[in-house]
Amino acid sequence: MRILAIETSIGECTVALRDGHKVFLSTSPRKMSQSEELVPRINELLEESLLNYQDLDAVACSIGPGSFTGIRVGIAAARGIKKAVPSLKTIGVSTLKLIAKYSPNKSASLVALQSYGSTFYTQKCDSLNNPTNDIIIMNMQEILSNPCDKIIVHTNNAGQYINAYNVLKIASNTDDSILGPIYAQQPNIHTKKI
């Protein structure tokens, strides 16, 4: 199966491409440059693998929660590719599922990803790392007073788990799913008075 995977939800831009047993990876060294970096990185991997968009079977993308703009960039690119190649499967992967599945502390009962400032996106998981409730915004005190057995909290090092390669691994074992964003809260937009 040939799958293109995109991850732009946490400030970095990573792309992975699987062609059978071969995997190609590309990561941008620049933070918060997803809109500039994503399409060139996708084209770089397609060129390296000697494939084109029509050769793909699926496109997978992280769908959040995370950076509002980053989520939009990744999903827009995946939807654009799907529109150009309607036969493609689309697969959306939650960033909290990525942490639950690939963090060294397996089988967490609560996963938390830092949002803005001192708040965290949190979600309870079962022993197979599947979500068991909606995403809840909590602060650290609420997380630590939670009665869950194992808690995984990630702040600025989440990129080691939230990346296109891990999106690709989950997508390889997932059927077609909806590419809808998980925002969990309103965007943090600052406006300047003129």
N, C-alpha and C. Protein backbone atom coordinates (compact mmCIF):
# COMPACT_ATOMS: atom_id res chain seq x y z
N MET A 1 0.83 -1.18 0.00
CA MET A 1 0.00 0.00 0.00
C MET A 1 0.88 1.25 0.00
N ARG A 2 0.48 2.25 -0.74
CA ARG A 2 1.22 3.51 -0.83
C ARG A 2 0.46 4.59 -0.09
N ILE A 3 1.04 5.06 1.02
CA ILE A 3 0.36 6.03 1.88
C ILE A 3 1.25 7.25 2.08
N LEU A 4 0.66 8.42 1.92
CA LEU A 4 1.32 9.68 2.24
C LEU A 4 0.78 10.14 3.59
N ALA A 5 1.65 10.46 4.54
CA ALA A 5 1.24 10.92 5.87
C ALA A 5 1.79 12.31 6.14
N ILE A 6 0.95 13.15 6.74
CA ILE A 6 1.26 14.55 7.00
C ILE A 6 1.07 14.83 8.48
N GLU A 7 2.03 15.57 9.07
CA GLU A 7 1.85 16.03 10.45
C GLU A 7 2.30 17.49 10.54
N THR A 8 1.34 18.36 10.84
CA THR A 8 1.63 19.80 10.93
C THR A 8 0.98 20.43 12.17
N SER A 9 0.49 19.62 13.09
CA SER A 9 -0.36 20.15 14.16
C SER A 9 0.36 20.71 15.37
N ILE A 10 1.67 20.50 15.49
CA ILE A 10 2.35 20.97 16.71
C ILE A 10 3.50 21.94 16.44
N GLY A 11 3.48 22.58 15.28
CA GLY A 11 4.50 23.58 15.00
C GLY A 11 5.61 23.11 14.09
N GLU A 12 5.73 21.83 13.88
CA GLU A 12 6.72 21.29 12.96
C GLU A 12 6.00 20.79 11.71
N CYS A 13 6.75 20.49 10.69
CA CYS A 13 6.17 19.95 9.46
C CYS A 13 6.93 18.67 9.13
N THR A 14 6.26 17.53 9.26
CA THR A 14 6.89 16.27 8.89
C THR A 14 5.99 15.55 7.90
N VAL A 15 6.62 14.87 6.97
CA VAL A 15 5.91 14.13 5.93
C VAL A 15 6.56 12.75 5.82
N ALA A 16 5.73 11.73 5.65
CA ALA A 16 6.24 10.36 5.47
C ALA A 16 5.49 9.73 4.31
N LEU A 17 6.17 8.85 3.60
CA LEU A 17 5.57 8.15 2.46
C LEU A 17 5.96 6.69 2.51
N ARG A 18 4.98 5.82 2.49
CA ARG A 18 5.24 4.38 2.45
C ARG A 18 4.91 3.86 1.05
N ASP A 19 5.86 3.15 0.49
CA ASP A 19 5.66 2.44 -0.78
C ASP A 19 6.03 0.99 -0.51
N GLY A 20 5.03 0.18 -0.16
CA GLY A 20 5.30 -1.20 0.23
C GLY A 20 6.11 -1.23 1.51
N HIS A 21 7.34 -1.78 1.43
CA HIS A 21 8.19 -1.86 2.62
C HIS A 21 9.15 -0.69 2.73
N LYS A 22 9.20 0.19 1.73
CA LYS A 22 10.08 1.35 1.77
C LYS A 22 9.35 2.51 2.41
N VAL A 23 10.06 3.25 3.28
CA VAL A 23 9.50 4.44 3.91
C VAL A 23 10.45 5.61 3.65
N PHE A 24 9.87 6.72 3.21
CA PHE A 24 10.62 7.94 2.95
C PHE A 24 10.14 9.01 3.94
N LEU A 25 11.08 9.78 4.51
CA LEU A 25 10.74 10.78 5.53
C LEU A 25 11.33 12.14 5.17
N SER A 26 10.61 13.19 5.57
CA SER A 26 11.12 14.54 5.41
C SER A 26 10.62 15.38 6.58
N THR A 27 11.54 16.10 7.22
CA THR A 27 11.20 16.94 8.36
C THR A 27 11.77 18.33 8.15
N SER A 28 10.96 19.34 8.41
CA SER A 28 11.42 20.72 8.30
C SER A 28 12.16 21.11 9.57
N PRO A 29 13.32 21.73 9.46
CA PRO A 29 14.02 22.19 10.65
C PRO A 29 13.42 23.49 11.21
N ARG A 30 12.54 24.11 10.44
CA ARG A 30 11.95 25.39 10.85
C ARG A 30 10.61 25.18 11.54
N LYS A 31 10.46 25.73 12.73
CA LYS A 31 9.19 25.65 13.46
C LYS A 31 8.21 26.67 12.89
N MET A 32 6.93 26.35 12.98
CA MET A 32 5.84 27.23 12.60
C MET A 32 5.94 27.71 11.14
N SER A 33 6.39 26.83 10.27
CA SER A 33 6.50 27.18 8.84
C SER A 33 5.77 26.16 7.98
N GLN A 34 4.71 25.55 8.55
CA GLN A 34 4.01 24.47 7.87
C GLN A 34 3.48 24.90 6.50
N SER A 35 2.92 26.10 6.41
CA SER A 35 2.31 26.53 5.15
C SER A 35 3.35 26.70 4.05
N GLU A 36 4.58 27.05 4.40
CA GLU A 36 5.64 27.20 3.40
C GLU A 36 6.32 25.87 3.09
N GLU A 37 6.41 25.00 4.06
CA GLU A 37 7.23 23.80 3.94
C GLU A 37 6.49 22.56 3.43
N LEU A 38 5.18 22.48 3.66
CA LEU A 38 4.48 21.22 3.44
C LEU A 38 4.51 20.74 2.00
N VAL A 39 4.05 21.52 1.06
CA VAL A 39 3.97 21.06 -0.34
C VAL A 39 5.35 20.75 -0.91
N PRO A 40 6.37 21.59 -0.70
CA PRO A 40 7.71 21.21 -1.18
C PRO A 40 8.22 19.89 -0.59
N ARG A 41 7.91 19.64 0.69
CA ARG A 41 8.35 18.38 1.31
C ARG A 41 7.61 17.18 0.71
N ILE A 42 6.32 17.33 0.46
CA ILE A 42 5.55 16.25 -0.18
C ILE A 42 6.14 15.97 -1.56
N ASN A 43 6.36 17.02 -2.34
CA ASN A 43 6.91 16.84 -3.69
C ASN A 43 8.30 16.22 -3.66
N GLU A 44 9.10 16.58 -2.66
CA GLU A 44 10.44 16.00 -2.49
C GLU A 44 10.35 14.49 -2.28
N LEU A 45 9.42 14.05 -1.42
CA LEU A 45 9.28 12.61 -1.16
C LEU A 45 8.74 11.87 -2.38
N LEU A 46 7.80 12.47 -3.08
CA LEU A 46 7.27 11.83 -4.29
C LEU A 46 8.38 11.67 -5.33
N GLU A 47 9.19 12.69 -5.49
CA GLU A 47 10.31 12.62 -6.44
C GLU A 47 11.32 11.55 -6.01
N GLU A 48 11.65 11.53 -4.72
CA GLU A 48 12.62 10.55 -4.20
C GLU A 48 12.12 9.12 -4.38
N SER A 49 10.81 8.92 -4.21
CA SER A 49 10.24 7.57 -4.31
C SER A 49 9.85 7.19 -5.73
N LEU A 50 10.01 8.13 -6.67
CA LEU A 50 9.64 7.92 -8.08
C LEU A 50 8.13 7.66 -8.23
N LEU A 51 7.33 8.28 -7.37
CA LEU A 51 5.88 8.16 -7.43
C LEU A 51 5.27 9.52 -7.75
N ASN A 52 3.98 9.49 -8.13
CA ASN A 52 3.24 10.74 -8.25
C ASN A 52 1.94 10.59 -7.46
N TYR A 53 1.16 11.64 -7.37
CA TYR A 53 -0.05 11.62 -6.55
C TYR A 53 -1.01 10.50 -6.97
N GLN A 54 -1.11 10.23 -8.26
CA GLN A 54 -2.03 9.20 -8.75
C GLN A 54 -1.61 7.80 -8.34
N ASP A 55 -0.35 7.61 -7.95
CA ASP A 55 0.13 6.29 -7.52
C ASP A 55 -0.26 5.97 -6.08
N LEU A 56 -0.71 6.98 -5.32
CA LEU A 56 -1.02 6.78 -3.91
C LEU A 56 -2.34 6.05 -3.70
N ASP A 57 -2.42 5.31 -2.60
CA ASP A 57 -3.66 4.63 -2.20
C ASP A 57 -4.40 5.40 -1.11
N ALA A 58 -3.64 6.15 -0.29
CA ALA A 58 -4.26 6.86 0.83
C ALA A 58 -3.43 8.07 1.21
N VAL A 59 -4.10 9.05 1.81
CA VAL A 59 -3.43 10.19 2.42
C VAL A 59 -3.92 10.28 3.86
N ALA A 60 -2.97 10.36 4.79
CA ALA A 60 -3.29 10.42 6.22
C ALA A 60 -2.76 11.72 6.79
N CYS A 61 -3.46 12.21 7.81
CA CYS A 61 -3.10 13.50 8.37
C CYS A 61 -3.45 13.54 9.85
N SER A 62 -2.59 14.18 10.66
CA SER A 62 -2.96 14.42 12.05
C SER A 62 -4.05 15.49 12.05
N ILE A 63 -5.03 15.33 12.93
CA ILE A 63 -6.19 16.22 12.91
C ILE A 63 -6.36 17.01 14.20
N GLY A 64 -5.36 16.95 15.07
CA GLY A 64 -5.40 17.73 16.30
C GLY A 64 -5.79 16.89 17.49
N PRO A 65 -5.89 17.52 18.64
CA PRO A 65 -5.72 18.95 18.87
C PRO A 65 -4.27 19.38 18.74
N GLY A 66 -4.08 20.69 18.63
CA GLY A 66 -2.76 21.26 18.46
C GLY A 66 -2.87 22.68 17.96
N SER A 67 -1.91 23.10 17.17
CA SER A 67 -1.90 24.44 16.60
C SER A 67 -3.06 24.60 15.63
N PHE A 68 -3.88 25.61 15.86
CA PHE A 68 -5.05 25.85 15.02
C PHE A 68 -4.64 25.98 13.55
N THR A 69 -3.66 26.82 13.28
CA THR A 69 -3.21 27.03 11.90
C THR A 69 -2.58 25.76 11.33
N GLY A 70 -1.74 25.10 12.12
CA GLY A 70 -1.09 23.88 11.66
C GLY A 70 -2.08 22.80 11.28
N ILE A 71 -3.11 22.63 12.09
CA ILE A 71 -4.15 21.63 11.77
C ILE A 71 -4.80 21.97 10.45
N ARG A 72 -5.15 23.23 10.26
CA ARG A 72 -5.81 23.67 9.02
C ARG A 72 -4.92 23.44 7.80
N VAL A 73 -3.63 23.73 7.93
CA VAL A 73 -2.70 23.56 6.81
C VAL A 73 -2.64 22.08 6.40
N GLY A 74 -2.47 21.19 7.36
CA GLY A 74 -2.36 19.76 7.06
C GLY A 74 -3.64 19.19 6.45
N ILE A 75 -4.77 19.51 7.06
CA ILE A 75 -6.05 18.98 6.56
C ILE A 75 -6.37 19.56 5.18
N ALA A 76 -6.10 20.85 4.97
CA ALA A 76 -6.35 21.45 3.66
C ALA A 76 -5.52 20.77 2.58
N ALA A 77 -4.26 20.48 2.89
CA ALA A 77 -3.41 19.79 1.91
C ALA A 77 -3.92 18.39 1.62
N ALA A 78 -4.28 17.65 2.66
CA ALA A 78 -4.79 16.29 2.47
C ALA A 78 -6.09 16.29 1.68
N ARG A 79 -6.99 17.22 1.99
CA ARG A 79 -8.25 17.32 1.24
C ARG A 79 -8.02 17.73 -0.21
N GLY A 80 -7.04 18.61 -0.43
CA GLY A 80 -6.70 19.02 -1.79
C GLY A 80 -6.18 17.85 -2.61
N ILE A 81 -5.34 17.02 -2.00
CA ILE A 81 -4.82 15.84 -2.69
C ILE A 81 -5.97 14.87 -3.00
N LYS A 82 -6.87 14.70 -2.05
CA LYS A 82 -8.03 13.82 -2.25
C LYS A 82 -8.91 14.35 -3.39
N LYS A 83 -9.06 15.66 -3.45
CA LYS A 83 -9.88 16.24 -4.53
C LYS A 83 -9.24 15.98 -5.89
N ALA A 84 -7.92 16.05 -5.95
CA ALA A 84 -7.21 15.80 -7.21
C ALA A 84 -7.21 14.32 -7.58
N VAL A 85 -7.21 13.45 -6.56
CA VAL A 85 -7.21 12.00 -6.78
C VAL A 85 -8.36 11.40 -5.97
N PRO A 86 -9.60 11.45 -6.49
CA PRO A 86 -10.78 11.05 -5.71
C PRO A 86 -10.75 9.60 -5.21
N SER A 87 -9.98 8.73 -5.81
CA SER A 87 -9.96 7.33 -5.39
C SER A 87 -9.18 7.11 -4.09
N LEU A 88 -8.46 8.12 -3.61
CA LEU A 88 -7.66 7.98 -2.39
C LEU A 88 -8.53 7.78 -1.15
N LYS A 89 -8.06 6.92 -0.25
CA LYS A 89 -8.65 6.86 1.09
C LYS A 89 -8.08 8.03 1.88
N THR A 90 -8.86 8.56 2.81
CA THR A 90 -8.37 9.60 3.71
C THR A 90 -8.45 9.08 5.14
N ILE A 91 -7.42 9.37 5.92
CA ILE A 91 -7.34 8.86 7.28
C ILE A 91 -6.91 9.99 8.21
N GLY A 92 -7.74 10.28 9.21
CA GLY A 92 -7.42 11.29 10.21
C GLY A 92 -6.94 10.62 11.49
N VAL A 93 -5.87 11.16 12.08
CA VAL A 93 -5.27 10.57 13.29
C VAL A 93 -5.14 11.65 14.36
N SER A 94 -5.68 11.39 15.54
CA SER A 94 -5.61 12.33 16.67
C SER A 94 -4.20 12.41 17.24
N THR A 95 -3.77 13.63 17.60
CA THR A 95 -2.46 13.79 18.22
C THR A 95 -2.40 13.12 19.58
N LEU A 96 -3.52 13.09 20.31
CA LEU A 96 -3.52 12.42 21.61
C LEU A 96 -3.39 10.91 21.45
N LYS A 97 -3.95 10.37 20.38
CA LYS A 97 -3.77 8.93 20.11
C LYS A 97 -2.31 8.62 19.79
N LEU A 98 -1.65 9.53 19.07
CA LEU A 98 -0.23 9.33 18.77
C LEU A 98 0.60 9.27 20.05
N ILE A 99 0.33 10.17 20.99
CA ILE A 99 1.06 10.16 22.25
C ILE A 99 0.75 8.88 23.03
N ALA A 100 -0.53 8.52 23.11
CA ALA A 100 -0.92 7.32 23.87
C ALA A 100 -0.28 6.07 23.29
N LYS A 101 -0.21 5.99 21.97
CA LYS A 101 0.28 4.78 21.33
C LYS A 101 1.80 4.69 21.32
N TYR A 102 2.50 5.81 21.15
CA TYR A 102 3.95 5.74 20.93
C TYR A 102 4.81 6.27 22.07
N SER A 103 4.21 6.77 23.12
CA SER A 103 4.99 7.16 24.29
C SER A 103 5.51 5.89 24.96
N PRO A 104 6.68 5.95 25.60
CA PRO A 104 7.20 4.74 26.27
C PRO A 104 6.29 4.23 27.39
N ASN A 105 5.48 5.11 27.98
CA ASN A 105 4.55 4.69 29.04
C ASN A 105 3.27 4.16 28.40
N LYS A 106 3.30 2.95 27.92
CA LYS A 106 2.16 2.36 27.23
C LYS A 106 0.97 2.22 28.16
N SER A 107 -0.18 2.10 27.58
CA SER A 107 -1.44 1.87 28.30
C SER A 107 -1.72 2.96 29.33
N ALA A 108 -1.53 4.21 28.92
CA ALA A 108 -1.88 5.32 29.82
C ALA A 108 -3.38 5.40 29.94
N SER A 109 -3.86 5.80 31.10
CA SER A 109 -5.30 5.98 31.25
C SER A 109 -5.70 7.44 31.06
N LEU A 110 -4.71 8.36 31.02
CA LEU A 110 -4.97 9.76 30.71
C LEU A 110 -3.78 10.32 29.94
N VAL A 111 -4.05 10.95 28.81
CA VAL A 111 -3.01 11.55 27.99
C VAL A 111 -3.25 13.05 27.98
N ALA A 112 -2.16 13.83 28.11
CA ALA A 112 -2.27 15.29 28.13
C ALA A 112 -1.21 15.91 27.22
N LEU A 113 -1.63 16.89 26.44
CA LEU A 113 -0.74 17.62 25.54
C LEU A 113 -0.89 19.10 25.85
N GLN A 114 0.24 19.77 26.13
CA GLN A 114 0.16 21.18 26.49
C GLN A 114 -0.44 22.00 25.36
N SER A 115 -1.36 22.86 25.74
CA SER A 115 -2.00 23.78 24.82
C SER A 115 -1.31 25.13 24.96
N TYR A 116 -2.08 26.16 25.24
CA TYR A 116 -1.52 27.48 25.45
C TYR A 116 -1.23 27.69 26.94
N GLY A 117 -0.07 28.22 27.26
CA GLY A 117 0.24 28.55 28.64
C GLY A 117 0.21 27.34 29.55
N SER A 118 -0.66 27.39 30.56
CA SER A 118 -0.69 26.33 31.57
C SER A 118 -1.86 25.37 31.38
N THR A 119 -2.49 25.39 30.21
CA THR A 119 -3.60 24.46 29.98
C THR A 119 -3.15 23.30 29.09
N PHE A 120 -3.89 22.18 29.22
CA PHE A 120 -3.55 20.96 28.50
C PHE A 120 -4.82 20.37 27.86
N TYR A 121 -4.66 19.79 26.68
CA TYR A 121 -5.71 18.96 26.08
C TYR A 121 -5.57 17.59 26.75
N THR A 122 -6.63 17.04 27.27
CA THR A 122 -6.54 15.74 27.92
C THR A 122 -7.63 14.81 27.40
N GLN A 123 -7.33 13.52 27.46
CA GLN A 123 -8.30 12.50 27.05
C GLN A 123 -7.98 11.19 27.75
N LYS A 124 -9.02 10.54 28.25
CA LYS A 124 -8.84 9.22 28.87
C LYS A 124 -8.78 8.17 27.78
N CYS A 125 -7.99 7.12 28.04
CA CYS A 125 -7.81 6.03 27.07
C CYS A 125 -8.02 4.68 27.75
N ASP A 126 -8.41 3.69 26.95
CA ASP A 126 -8.50 2.33 27.47
C ASP A 126 -7.14 1.65 27.34
N SER A 127 -7.05 0.39 27.69
CA SER A 127 -5.76 -0.32 27.67
C SER A 127 -5.21 -0.52 26.27
N LEU A 128 -6.03 -0.30 25.24
CA LEU A 128 -5.57 -0.41 23.85
C LEU A 128 -5.27 0.97 23.25
N ASN A 129 -5.21 1.99 24.10
CA ASN A 129 -4.94 3.38 23.70
C ASN A 129 -6.03 4.00 22.85
N ASN A 130 -7.24 3.52 22.99
CA ASN A 130 -8.38 4.12 22.29
C ASN A 130 -9.06 5.11 23.23
N PRO A 131 -9.48 6.28 22.70
CA PRO A 131 -10.13 7.27 23.56
C PRO A 131 -11.44 6.76 24.14
N THR A 132 -11.71 7.13 25.39
CA THR A 132 -12.95 6.71 26.03
C THR A 132 -13.85 7.88 26.38
N ASN A 133 -13.39 9.11 26.09
CA ASN A 133 -14.24 10.28 26.34
C ASN A 133 -13.83 11.41 25.40
N ASP A 134 -14.57 12.52 25.45
CA ASP A 134 -14.20 13.69 24.66
C ASP A 134 -12.95 14.33 25.25
N ILE A 135 -12.34 15.21 24.49
CA ILE A 135 -11.17 15.94 24.95
C ILE A 135 -11.62 17.00 25.95
N ILE A 136 -10.89 17.09 27.06
CA ILE A 136 -11.20 18.05 28.11
C ILE A 136 -9.97 18.93 28.33
N ILE A 137 -10.18 20.23 28.48
CA ILE A 137 -9.09 21.15 28.79
C ILE A 137 -8.91 21.17 30.31
N MET A 138 -7.66 20.92 30.77
CA MET A 138 -7.35 20.91 32.21
C MET A 138 -6.07 21.69 32.47
N ASN A 139 -5.90 22.12 33.71
CA ASN A 139 -4.61 22.66 34.11
C ASN A 139 -3.84 21.54 34.82
N MET A 140 -2.58 21.80 35.16
CA MET A 140 -1.74 20.74 35.74
C MET A 140 -2.29 20.24 37.07
N GLN A 141 -2.83 21.11 37.89
CA GLN A 141 -3.39 20.69 39.17
C GLN A 141 -4.56 19.71 38.97
N GLU A 142 -5.41 19.99 37.97
CA GLU A 142 -6.53 19.09 37.69
C GLU A 142 -6.04 17.75 37.16
N ILE A 143 -4.98 17.78 36.36
CA ILE A 143 -4.42 16.53 35.83
C ILE A 143 -3.87 15.68 36.97
N LEU A 144 -3.09 16.30 37.85
CA LEU A 144 -2.46 15.55 38.94
C LEU A 144 -3.46 15.05 39.98
N SER A 145 -4.60 15.72 40.10
CA SER A 145 -5.62 15.25 41.05
C SER A 145 -6.60 14.27 40.41
N ASN A 146 -6.36 13.95 39.13
CA ASN A 146 -7.22 13.00 38.43
C ASN A 146 -6.97 11.59 38.96
N PRO A 147 -8.01 10.79 39.14
CA PRO A 147 -7.83 9.45 39.72
C PRO A 147 -7.30 8.38 38.75
N CYS A 148 -6.82 8.76 37.58
CA CYS A 148 -6.34 7.77 36.60
C CYS A 148 -5.05 7.10 37.08
N ASP A 149 -4.86 5.85 36.65
CA ASP A 149 -3.68 5.07 37.04
C ASP A 149 -2.39 5.62 36.45
N LYS A 150 -2.32 5.67 35.12
CA LYS A 150 -1.11 6.14 34.44
C LYS A 150 -1.46 7.42 33.68
N ILE A 151 -0.63 8.43 33.84
CA ILE A 151 -0.85 9.71 33.17
C ILE A 151 0.39 10.03 32.34
N ILE A 152 0.19 10.40 31.08
CA ILE A 152 1.28 10.84 30.21
C ILE A 152 1.04 12.32 29.93
N VAL A 153 2.00 13.16 30.28
CA VAL A 153 1.89 14.60 30.03
C VAL A 153 3.03 15.01 29.11
N HIS A 154 2.70 15.73 28.04
CA HIS A 154 3.74 16.21 27.13
C HIS A 154 3.64 17.71 26.97
N THR A 155 4.81 18.34 27.05
CA THR A 155 4.87 19.77 26.86
C THR A 155 5.58 20.04 25.54
N ASN A 156 6.81 20.47 25.57
CA ASN A 156 7.49 20.87 24.33
C ASN A 156 8.23 19.73 23.64
N ASN A 157 8.19 18.51 24.13
CA ASN A 157 8.90 17.40 23.47
C ASN A 157 7.96 16.43 22.77
N ALA A 158 6.75 16.86 22.49
CA ALA A 158 5.77 15.95 21.90
C ALA A 158 6.12 15.52 20.48
N GLY A 159 7.02 16.26 19.81
CA GLY A 159 7.38 15.93 18.44
C GLY A 159 7.98 14.55 18.26
N GLN A 160 8.54 14.00 19.34
CA GLN A 160 9.10 12.65 19.22
C GLN A 160 8.00 11.60 19.05
N TYR A 161 6.77 11.93 19.39
CA TYR A 161 5.64 11.01 19.24
C TYR A 161 4.66 11.49 18.18
N ILE A 162 4.49 12.81 18.09
CA ILE A 162 3.56 13.39 17.12
C ILE A 162 4.37 13.76 15.89
N ASN A 163 4.45 12.83 14.95
CA ASN A 163 5.20 13.05 13.71
C ASN A 163 4.57 12.22 12.59
N ALA A 164 4.94 12.53 11.37
CA ALA A 164 4.33 11.87 10.21
C ALA A 164 4.61 10.37 10.17
N TYR A 165 5.77 9.95 10.66
CA TYR A 165 6.08 8.52 10.66
C TYR A 165 5.08 7.75 11.52
N ASN A 166 4.76 8.28 12.70
CA ASN A 166 3.77 7.61 13.56
C ASN A 166 2.36 7.72 13.00
N VAL A 167 2.05 8.84 12.34
CA VAL A 167 0.76 8.94 11.63
C VAL A 167 0.68 7.84 10.58
N LEU A 168 1.78 7.63 9.87
CA LEU A 168 1.85 6.59 8.84
C LEU A 168 1.62 5.20 9.42
N LYS A 169 2.23 4.93 10.58
CA LYS A 169 2.07 3.60 11.20
C LYS A 169 0.61 3.35 11.59
N ILE A 170 -0.04 4.34 12.17
CA ILE A 170 -1.46 4.17 12.53
C ILE A 170 -2.31 4.04 11.27
N ALA A 171 -2.04 4.87 10.27
CA ALA A 171 -2.82 4.85 9.03
C ALA A 171 -2.71 3.52 8.30
N SER A 172 -1.57 2.86 8.43
CA SER A 172 -1.37 1.57 7.75
C SER A 172 -2.33 0.50 8.25
N ASN A 173 -2.89 0.70 9.44
CA ASN A 173 -3.82 -0.27 10.02
C ASN A 173 -5.21 0.33 10.26
N THR A 174 -5.56 1.34 9.50
CA THR A 174 -6.83 2.04 9.69
C THR A 174 -7.58 2.12 8.37
N ASP A 175 -8.88 1.97 8.44
CA ASP A 175 -9.71 2.15 7.26
C ASP A 175 -9.94 3.64 7.01
N ASP A 176 -10.58 3.91 5.90
CA ASP A 176 -10.97 5.27 5.53
C ASP A 176 -11.67 5.95 6.71
N SER A 177 -11.30 7.18 7.03
CA SER A 177 -11.95 7.91 8.12
C SER A 177 -12.10 9.38 7.74
N ILE A 178 -12.84 10.09 8.52
CA ILE A 178 -13.13 11.49 8.23
C ILE A 178 -11.91 12.36 8.54
N LEU A 179 -11.62 13.28 7.63
CA LEU A 179 -10.53 14.23 7.84
C LEU A 179 -11.11 15.52 8.39
N GLY A 180 -11.60 15.47 9.61
CA GLY A 180 -12.17 16.65 10.25
C GLY A 180 -11.28 17.10 11.39
N PRO A 181 -11.13 18.41 11.58
CA PRO A 181 -10.23 18.91 12.62
C PRO A 181 -10.78 18.69 14.03
N ILE A 182 -9.86 18.49 14.97
CA ILE A 182 -10.19 18.46 16.40
C ILE A 182 -9.53 19.70 16.99
N TYR A 183 -10.32 20.74 17.20
CA TYR A 183 -9.76 21.97 17.75
C TYR A 183 -9.80 22.00 19.27
N ALA A 184 -10.81 21.48 19.89
CA ALA A 184 -10.97 21.39 21.35
C ALA A 184 -11.18 22.73 22.04
N GLN A 185 -10.76 23.83 21.43
CA GLN A 185 -11.03 25.15 22.01
C GLN A 185 -10.90 26.20 20.91
N GLN A 186 -11.32 27.40 21.21
CA GLN A 186 -11.23 28.50 20.24
C GLN A 186 -9.76 28.84 20.00
N PRO A 187 -9.44 29.32 18.78
CA PRO A 187 -8.04 29.68 18.51
C PRO A 187 -7.58 30.84 19.39
N ASN A 188 -6.29 30.84 19.69
CA ASN A 188 -5.67 31.90 20.49
C ASN A 188 -5.16 32.97 19.53
N ILE A 189 -6.04 33.91 19.20
CA ILE A 189 -5.70 34.94 18.21
C ILE A 189 -5.53 36.27 18.93
N HIS A 190 -4.41 36.89 18.70
CA HIS A 190 -4.13 38.19 19.32
C HIS A 190 -4.31 39.27 18.26
N THR A 191 -5.02 40.31 18.61
CA THR A 191 -5.19 41.41 17.66
C THR A 191 -4.56 42.68 18.25
N LYS A 192 -4.03 43.48 17.36
CA LYS A 192 -3.41 44.74 17.76
C LYS A 192 -4.38 45.86 17.47
N LYS A 193 -4.54 46.77 18.41
CA LYS A 193 -5.37 47.95 18.18
C LYS A 193 -4.55 48.97 17.41
N ILE A 194 -5.19 49.56 16.43
CA ILE A 194 -4.48 50.56 15.60
C ILE A 194 -4.88 51.96 16.01
